């Protein structure tokens, strides 16, 4: 292998690792609290981030979650397709009041997964590890 080819391969490896590091450590992160119980959350504020959500994640650290932020208050159903961990899902309105909670939403391993629908208008939806709602 020529030196030029080795340099190109090394640069590609550096680029891939650099991009991976940037993607994993520069996500839009925030904090949401319920009294004294706070969660560090990834913020899903655009359509692509909301579509991806927590799908394909095998683990969610304690006191971490994902906050889905929508452009306007509305009814936003969720589903557990390709979600590998059980979750508590909390719908929150524009006044930052909890309007609905789905506890222990289980992963869906079938082709058809039913929607989890609050039937309440919300501006935010928070996903955390299952069992957290009972704890707080």
Protein backbone atom coordinates (compact mmCIF):
# COMPACT_ATOMS: atom_id res chain seq x y z
CA UNK A 1 0.00 0.00 0.00
CA UNK A 2 1.31 3.44 -0.88
CA UNK A 3 1.80 6.18 1.68
CA UNK A 4 -0.91 8.27 0.00
CA UNK A 5 -3.48 5.46 0.42
CA UNK A 6 -2.53 4.99 4.08
CA UNK A 7 -2.94 8.72 4.74
CA UNK A 8 -6.39 8.71 3.10
CA UNK A 9 -7.49 5.69 5.16
CA UNK A 10 -6.22 7.25 8.39
CA UNK A 11 -8.01 10.53 7.58
CA UNK A 12 -11.26 8.66 6.92
CA UNK A 13 -10.96 6.82 10.22
CA UNK A 14 -10.32 10.12 12.06
CA UNK A 15 -13.34 11.69 10.31
CA UNK A 16 -15.64 8.79 11.23
CA UNK A 17 -14.56 8.83 14.89
CA UNK A 18 -14.78 12.63 15.03
CA UNK A 19 -18.30 12.63 13.58
CA UNK A 20 -19.38 9.88 15.95
CA UNK A 21 -18.01 11.81 18.93
CA UNK A 22 -19.68 15.03 17.80
CA UNK A 23 -23.02 13.32 17.21
CA UNK A 24 -23.03 11.50 20.54
CA UNK A 25 -21.82 14.35 22.72
CA UNK A 26 -23.30 17.45 21.13
CA UNK A 27 -26.95 16.56 21.14
CA UNK A 28 -29.42 19.16 22.28
CA UNK A 29 -29.54 18.44 26.04
CA UNK A 30 -31.76 20.02 28.66
CA UNK A 31 -33.17 19.40 32.09
CA UNK A 32 -36.74 18.94 33.24
CA UNK A 33 -37.76 18.79 36.90
CA UNK A 34 -40.82 17.70 38.86
CA UNK A 35 -40.31 19.26 42.28
CA UNK A 36 -36.90 17.88 43.35
CA UNK A 37 -36.75 15.07 40.77
CA UNK A 38 -34.78 16.22 37.71
CA UNK A 39 -34.00 14.47 34.45
CA UNK A 40 -31.33 15.23 31.91
CA UNK A 41 -33.13 14.98 28.58
CA UNK A 42 -32.25 14.89 24.95
CA UNK A 43 -34.53 17.35 23.21
CA UNK A 44 -36.27 16.14 20.06
CA UNK A 45 -37.45 19.38 18.51
CA UNK A 46 -37.57 18.65 14.79
CA UNK A 47 -39.53 16.07 12.86
CA UNK A 48 -36.61 13.72 12.20
CA UNK A 49 -35.57 13.70 15.88
CA UNK A 50 -39.17 13.09 16.95
CA UNK A 51 -39.56 10.22 14.47
CA UNK A 52 -36.36 8.54 15.70
CA UNK A 53 -37.07 9.12 19.40
CA UNK A 54 -35.62 6.40 21.59
CA UNK A 55 -35.94 3.67 18.95
CA UNK A 56 -33.24 0.98 18.88
CA UNK A 57 -31.72 2.05 22.21
CA UNK A 58 -30.96 -0.88 24.45
CA UNK A 59 -30.46 1.16 27.61
CA UNK A 60 -31.50 4.48 29.11
CA UNK A 61 -29.53 5.72 32.09
CA UNK A 62 -31.34 6.51 35.33
CA UNK A 63 -32.64 10.09 35.47
CA UNK A 64 -32.28 10.49 31.71
CA UNK A 65 -34.95 10.73 29.07
CA UNK A 66 -36.14 12.37 25.89
CA UNK A 67 -38.32 15.46 25.67
CA UNK A 68 -40.34 15.83 22.49
CA UNK A 69 -41.11 19.47 21.73
CA UNK A 70 -43.83 20.26 19.21
CA UNK A 71 -44.49 23.51 17.32
CA UNK A 72 -48.01 23.86 18.70
CA UNK A 73 -50.24 22.21 21.23
CA UNK A 74 -52.06 19.20 19.82
CA UNK A 75 -52.88 15.54 20.25
CA UNK A 76 -49.73 13.50 19.70
CA UNK A 77 -50.01 9.71 19.79
CA UNK A 78 -46.86 7.64 20.36
CA UNK A 79 -46.01 4.03 19.67
CA UNK A 80 -43.37 1.59 20.83
CA UNK A 81 -42.32 0.13 17.46
CA UNK A 82 -38.57 -0.56 17.48
CA UNK A 83 -38.33 0.76 21.04
CA UNK A 84 -36.40 -1.80 23.05
CA UNK A 85 -36.92 -0.55 26.60
CA UNK A 86 -40.14 -0.05 28.60
CA UNK A 87 -40.99 3.60 29.16
CA UNK A 88 -43.22 5.92 31.14
CA UNK A 89 -44.61 8.52 28.74
CA UNK A 90 -45.80 11.87 30.10
CA UNK A 91 -47.81 14.40 28.06
CA UNK A 92 -47.43 18.03 29.21
CA UNK A 93 -49.47 21.01 28.01
CA UNK A 94 -48.33 24.55 27.20
CA UNK A 95 -48.94 25.57 30.84
CA UNK A 96 -46.42 22.85 31.86
CA UNK A 97 -49.17 20.79 33.47
CA UNK A 98 -49.19 17.01 33.13
CA UNK A 99 -52.31 16.06 31.17
CA UNK A 100 -51.76 12.31 30.73
CA UNK A 101 -49.37 9.55 31.76
CA UNK A 102 -48.89 6.15 30.16
CA UNK A 103 -47.00 4.01 32.66
CA UNK A 104 -44.86 1.05 31.65
CA UNK A 105 -45.36 1.24 27.89
CA UNK A 106 -43.82 -2.01 26.70
CA UNK A 107 -41.69 -2.54 23.59
CA UNK A 108 -43.63 -3.72 20.58
CA UNK A 109 -42.10 -6.65 18.73
CA UNK A 110 -44.90 -7.13 16.22
CA UNK A 111 -45.34 -5.68 12.75
CA UNK A 112 -48.37 -3.67 13.87
CA UNK A 113 -47.98 -1.62 17.03
CA UNK A 114 -50.96 0.25 18.46
CA UNK A 115 -50.75 3.95 19.19
CA UNK A 116 -50.62 5.19 22.75
CA UNK A 117 -52.88 8.21 22.65
CA UNK A 118 -53.48 10.68 25.42
CA UNK A 119 -56.50 12.25 23.70
CA UNK A 120 -55.36 15.41 25.51
CA UNK A 121 -53.63 18.37 23.91
CA UNK A 122 -49.97 18.66 24.78
CA UNK A 123 -46.98 20.70 23.68
CA UNK A 124 -44.37 18.37 25.17
CA UNK A 125 -44.04 14.64 25.68
CA UNK A 126 -41.45 13.21 28.05
CA UNK A 127 -40.18 9.63 27.87
CA UNK A 128 -38.32 8.18 30.86
CA UNK A 129 -37.56 4.68 32.12
CA UNK A 130 -40.60 2.68 33.13
CA UNK A 131 -41.29 2.86 36.86
CA UNK A 132 -40.10 6.45 37.32
CA UNK A 133 -43.66 7.78 37.58
CA UNK A 134 -44.32 5.49 40.55
CA UNK A 135 -41.09 6.61 42.21
CA UNK A 136 -41.82 10.33 41.98
